Amino acid sequence: MLLDHDIDGPADAPAVVLLHSSVCDRRMWQPQWQPLLDAGFRVLAVDFRGFGDTPRRRRPTTTPPT
């Protein structure tokens, strides 16, 4: 599964990866996006599974017994 994301900035610039909290999506980073680009960073923000534009997992996630 691919996570929906936004990415911008020079490919050779230092990267900043923005991860949202459990009740938000990548749009929470919009106010920081342009200032980071203006500072010369490559910026990446992703939506975790089930948030924003990334769909939920189709089957339940379980932890195998140990």
Foldseek 3Di string as FASTA:
>chain_A
DDWDKDKDADPPFAEDEDEDDPPAAQVVCVVVVVVCRVVRYIYMYTGDDVHDPHHHDPDDDDDDDD
